C-alpha atoms as a PDB file:
ATOM      1  CA  MET A   1      94.023 148.980  75.311  1.00  0.00           C
ATOM      2  CA  ASN A   2      90.792 148.002  78.050  1.00  0.00           C
ATOM      3  CA  LYS A   3      91.549 144.712  79.196  1.00  0.00           C
ATOM      4  CA  ILE A   4      88.104 142.257  77.591  1.00  0.00           C
ATOM      5  CA  VAL A   5      86.985 139.983  79.925  1.00  0.00           C
ATOM      6  CA  SER A   6      84.359 136.667  78.857  1.00  0.00           C
ATOM      7  CA  SER A   7      81.963 135.779  80.169  1.00  0.00           C
ATOM      8  CA  ALA A   8      83.200 132.295  80.709  1.00  0.00           C
ATOM      9  CA  LYS A   9      86.033 134.017  83.762  1.00  0.00           C
ATOM     10  CA  GLU A  10      84.249 136.166  84.464  1.00  0.00           C
ATOM     11  CA  LYS A  11      83.244 134.306  87.897  1.00  0.00           C
ATOM     12  CA  GLN A  12      84.883 131.491  89.504  1.00  0.00           C
ATOM     13  CA  ASN A  13      84.376 128.199  89.280  1.00  0.00           C
ATOM     14  CA  GLU A  14      84.992 126.818  92.998  1.00  0.00           C
ATOM     15  CA  SER A  15      86.754 123.410  92.982  1.00  0.00           C
ATOM     16  CA  VAL A  16      84.897 120.029  94.443  1.00  0.00           C
ATOM     17  CA  PHE A  17      87.895 119.659  97.122  1.00  0.00           C
ATOM     18  CA  LEU A  18      87.645 123.155  98.473  1.00  0.00           C
ATOM     19  CA  ARG A  19      84.235 122.180  99.501  1.00  0.00           C
ATOM     20  CA  GLU A  20      83.537 120.842 103.630  1.00  0.00           C
ATOM     21  CA  TRP A  21      81.353 118.110 102.653  1.00  0.00           C
ATOM     22  CA  ILE A  22      83.772 116.443 100.912  1.00  0.00           C
ATOM     23  CA  LEU A  23      86.267 116.461 103.519  1.00  0.00           C
ATOM     24  CA  SER A  24      84.567 114.186 105.856  1.00  0.00           C
ATOM     25  CA  ASP A  25      83.859 111.806 103.846  1.00  0.00           C
ATOM     26  CA  VAL A  26      87.924 111.959 102.750  1.00  0.00           C
ATOM     27  CA  LEU A  27      88.869 111.569 106.392  1.00  0.00           C
ATOM     28  CA  ALA A  28      86.852 109.232 106.920  1.00  0.00           C
ATOM     29  CA  VAL A  29      88.555 106.858 103.357  1.00  0.00           C
ATOM     30  CA  MET A  30      91.821 107.634 105.297  1.00  0.00           C
ATOM     31  CA  LYS A  31      91.769 107.104 108.032  1.00  0.00           C
ATOM     32  CA  GLU A  32      90.978 103.853 106.847  1.00  0.00           C
ATOM     33  CA  HIS A  33      93.310 103.831 104.899  1.00  0.00           C
ATOM     34  CA  ALA A  34      96.498 105.026 106.530  1.00  0.00           C
ATOM     35  CA  PRO A  35      98.501 101.754 108.478  1.00  0.00           C
ATOM     36  CA  LEU A  36      98.851 100.173 104.617  1.00  0.00           C
ATOM     37  CA  PRO A  37     101.821 100.977 103.175  1.00  0.00           C
ATOM     38  CA  ILE A  38     101.126 101.920  99.573  1.00  0.00           C
ATOM     39  CA  TRP A  39     103.551  99.658  98.113  1.00  0.00           C
ATOM     40  CA  PRO A  40     103.762  96.374 100.706  1.00  0.00           C
ATOM     41  CA  ALA A  41     107.468  94.506 100.685  1.00  0.00           C
ATOM     42  CA  VAL A  42     106.504  91.553  98.485  1.00  0.00           C
ATOM     43  CA  PRO A  43     109.384  88.142  99.813  1.00  0.00           C
ATOM     44  CA  ASN A  44     111.192  86.566  97.825  1.00  0.00           C
ATOM     45  CA  PHE A  45     109.375  88.024  94.849  1.00  0.00           C
ATOM     46  CA  VAL A  46     112.476  87.591  92.670  1.00  0.00           C
ATOM     47  CA  PRO A  47     114.197  84.371  94.449  1.00  0.00           C
ATOM     48  CA  PRO A  48     117.920  84.387  94.578  1.00  0.00           C
ATOM     49  CA  LEU A  49     120.160  82.941  91.859  1.00  0.00           C
ATOM     50  CA  ALA A  50     122.060  80.236  92.326  1.00  0.00           C
ATOM     51  CA  LYS A  51     125.442  80.601  92.106  1.00  0.00           C
ATOM     52  CA  LEU A  52     127.273  77.426  91.248  1.00  0.00           C
ATOM     53  CA  HIS A  53     129.648  77.242  88.594  1.00  0.00           C
ATOM     54  CA  GLY A  54     129.980  80.569  87.718  1.00  0.00           C
ATOM     55  CA  HIS A  55     126.362  82.266  85.801  1.00  0.00           C
ATOM     56  CA  VAL A  56     124.753  79.459  83.723  1.00  0.00           C
ATOM     57  CA  PRO A  57     122.117  81.448  81.073  1.00  0.00           C
ATOM     58  CA  PHE A  58     120.541  78.505  80.310  1.00  0.00           C
ATOM     59  CA  LYS A  59     120.849  76.271  83.009  1.00  0.00           C
ATOM     60  CA  SER A  60     116.725  74.984  83.475  1.00  0.00           C
ATOM     61  CA  GLU A  61     116.724  76.613  86.511  1.00  0.00           C
ATOM     62  CA  ILE A  62     116.689  80.195  85.383  1.00  0.00           C
ATOM     63  CA  LEU A  63     115.448  79.503  82.237  1.00  0.00           C
ATOM     64  CA  LEU A  64     111.713  78.072  84.122  1.00  0.00           C
ATOM     65  CA  ASN A  65     111.953  81.863  86.568  1.00  0.00           C
ATOM     66  CA  ARG A  66     109.590  83.777  85.676  1.00  0.00           C
ATOM     67  CA  ARG A  67     110.775  86.099  87.169  1.00  0.00           C
ATOM     68  CA  HIS A  68     114.213  86.240  85.926  1.00  0.00           C
ATOM     69  CA  PHE A  69     115.352  90.189  85.487  1.00  0.00           C
ATOM     70  CA  LEU A  70     116.012  90.237  81.309  1.00  0.00           C
ATOM     71  CA  LYS A  71     116.847  93.755  78.968  1.00  0.00           C
ATOM     72  CA  ILE A  72     115.864  93.548  76.128  1.00  0.00           C
ATOM     73  CA  THR A  73     118.821  94.428  73.827  1.00  0.00           C
ATOM     74  CA  ASN A  74     117.355  94.285  71.002  1.00  0.00           C
ATOM     75  CA  PHE A  75     114.618  92.278  68.957  1.00  0.00           C
ATOM     76  CA  HIS A  76     114.914  90.756  65.958  1.00  0.00           C
ATOM     77  CA  ARG A  77     111.835  89.709  64.523  1.00  0.00           C
ATOM     78  CA  VAL A  78     107.997  88.135  65.096  1.00  0.00           C
ATOM     79  CA  GLU A  79     107.827  84.717  63.289  1.00  0.00           C
ATOM     80  CA  LYS A  80     104.155  82.875  64.243  1.00  0.00           C
ATOM     81  CA  PHE A  81     104.111  84.512  66.982  1.00  0.00           C
ATOM     82  CA  ALA A  82     107.455  83.876  68.600  1.00  0.00           C
ATOM     83  CA  VAL A  83     109.516  86.814  69.258  1.00  0.00           C
ATOM     84  CA  PHE A  84     113.567  86.765  68.714  1.00  0.00           C
ATOM     85  CA  ALA A  85     115.499  88.960  70.576  1.00  0.00           C
ATOM     86  CA  SER A  86     118.408  89.929  72.204  1.00  0.00           C
ATOM     87  CA  GLY A  87     118.198  90.566  76.146  1.00  0.00           C
ATOM     88  CA  ARG A  88     121.190  90.679  78.986  1.00  0.00           C
ATOM     89  CA  ASP A  89     120.731  90.307  82.009  1.00  0.00           C
ATOM     90  CA  ASN A  90     123.614  91.564  84.842  1.00  0.00           C
ATOM     91  CA  ASN A  91     125.959  89.101  84.194  1.00  0.00           C
ATOM     92  CA  CYS A  92     125.707  87.845  80.121  1.00  0.00           C
ATOM     93  CA  ARG A  93     123.988  88.546  76.622  1.00  0.00           C
ATOM     94  CA  ILE A  94     121.611  85.842  75.904  1.00  0.00           C
ATOM     95  CA  LEU A  95     121.211  85.335  72.256  1.00  0.00           C
ATOM     96  CA  SER A  96     117.586  83.737  71.396  1.00  0.00           C
END
């Protein structure tokens, strides 16, 4: 059986990234941004959790910390724009 090549595939379109004019534009931007890190370090993004008398999950310092990581383990319901769920951090399970 003869192979049939459609007219669309007859001529391969060249990728825009292979053209010579783009090299000068890309190199200028690469040289400008090369010294910058992709993921800059953010010191104290997650503040340390003070352990005074063991881990007390409902201590006001912990609850007010917006950066305290909590894994949601189960969603229960949504009522009047409030979400009720169970979660746990690295030390205990919190029900709310």
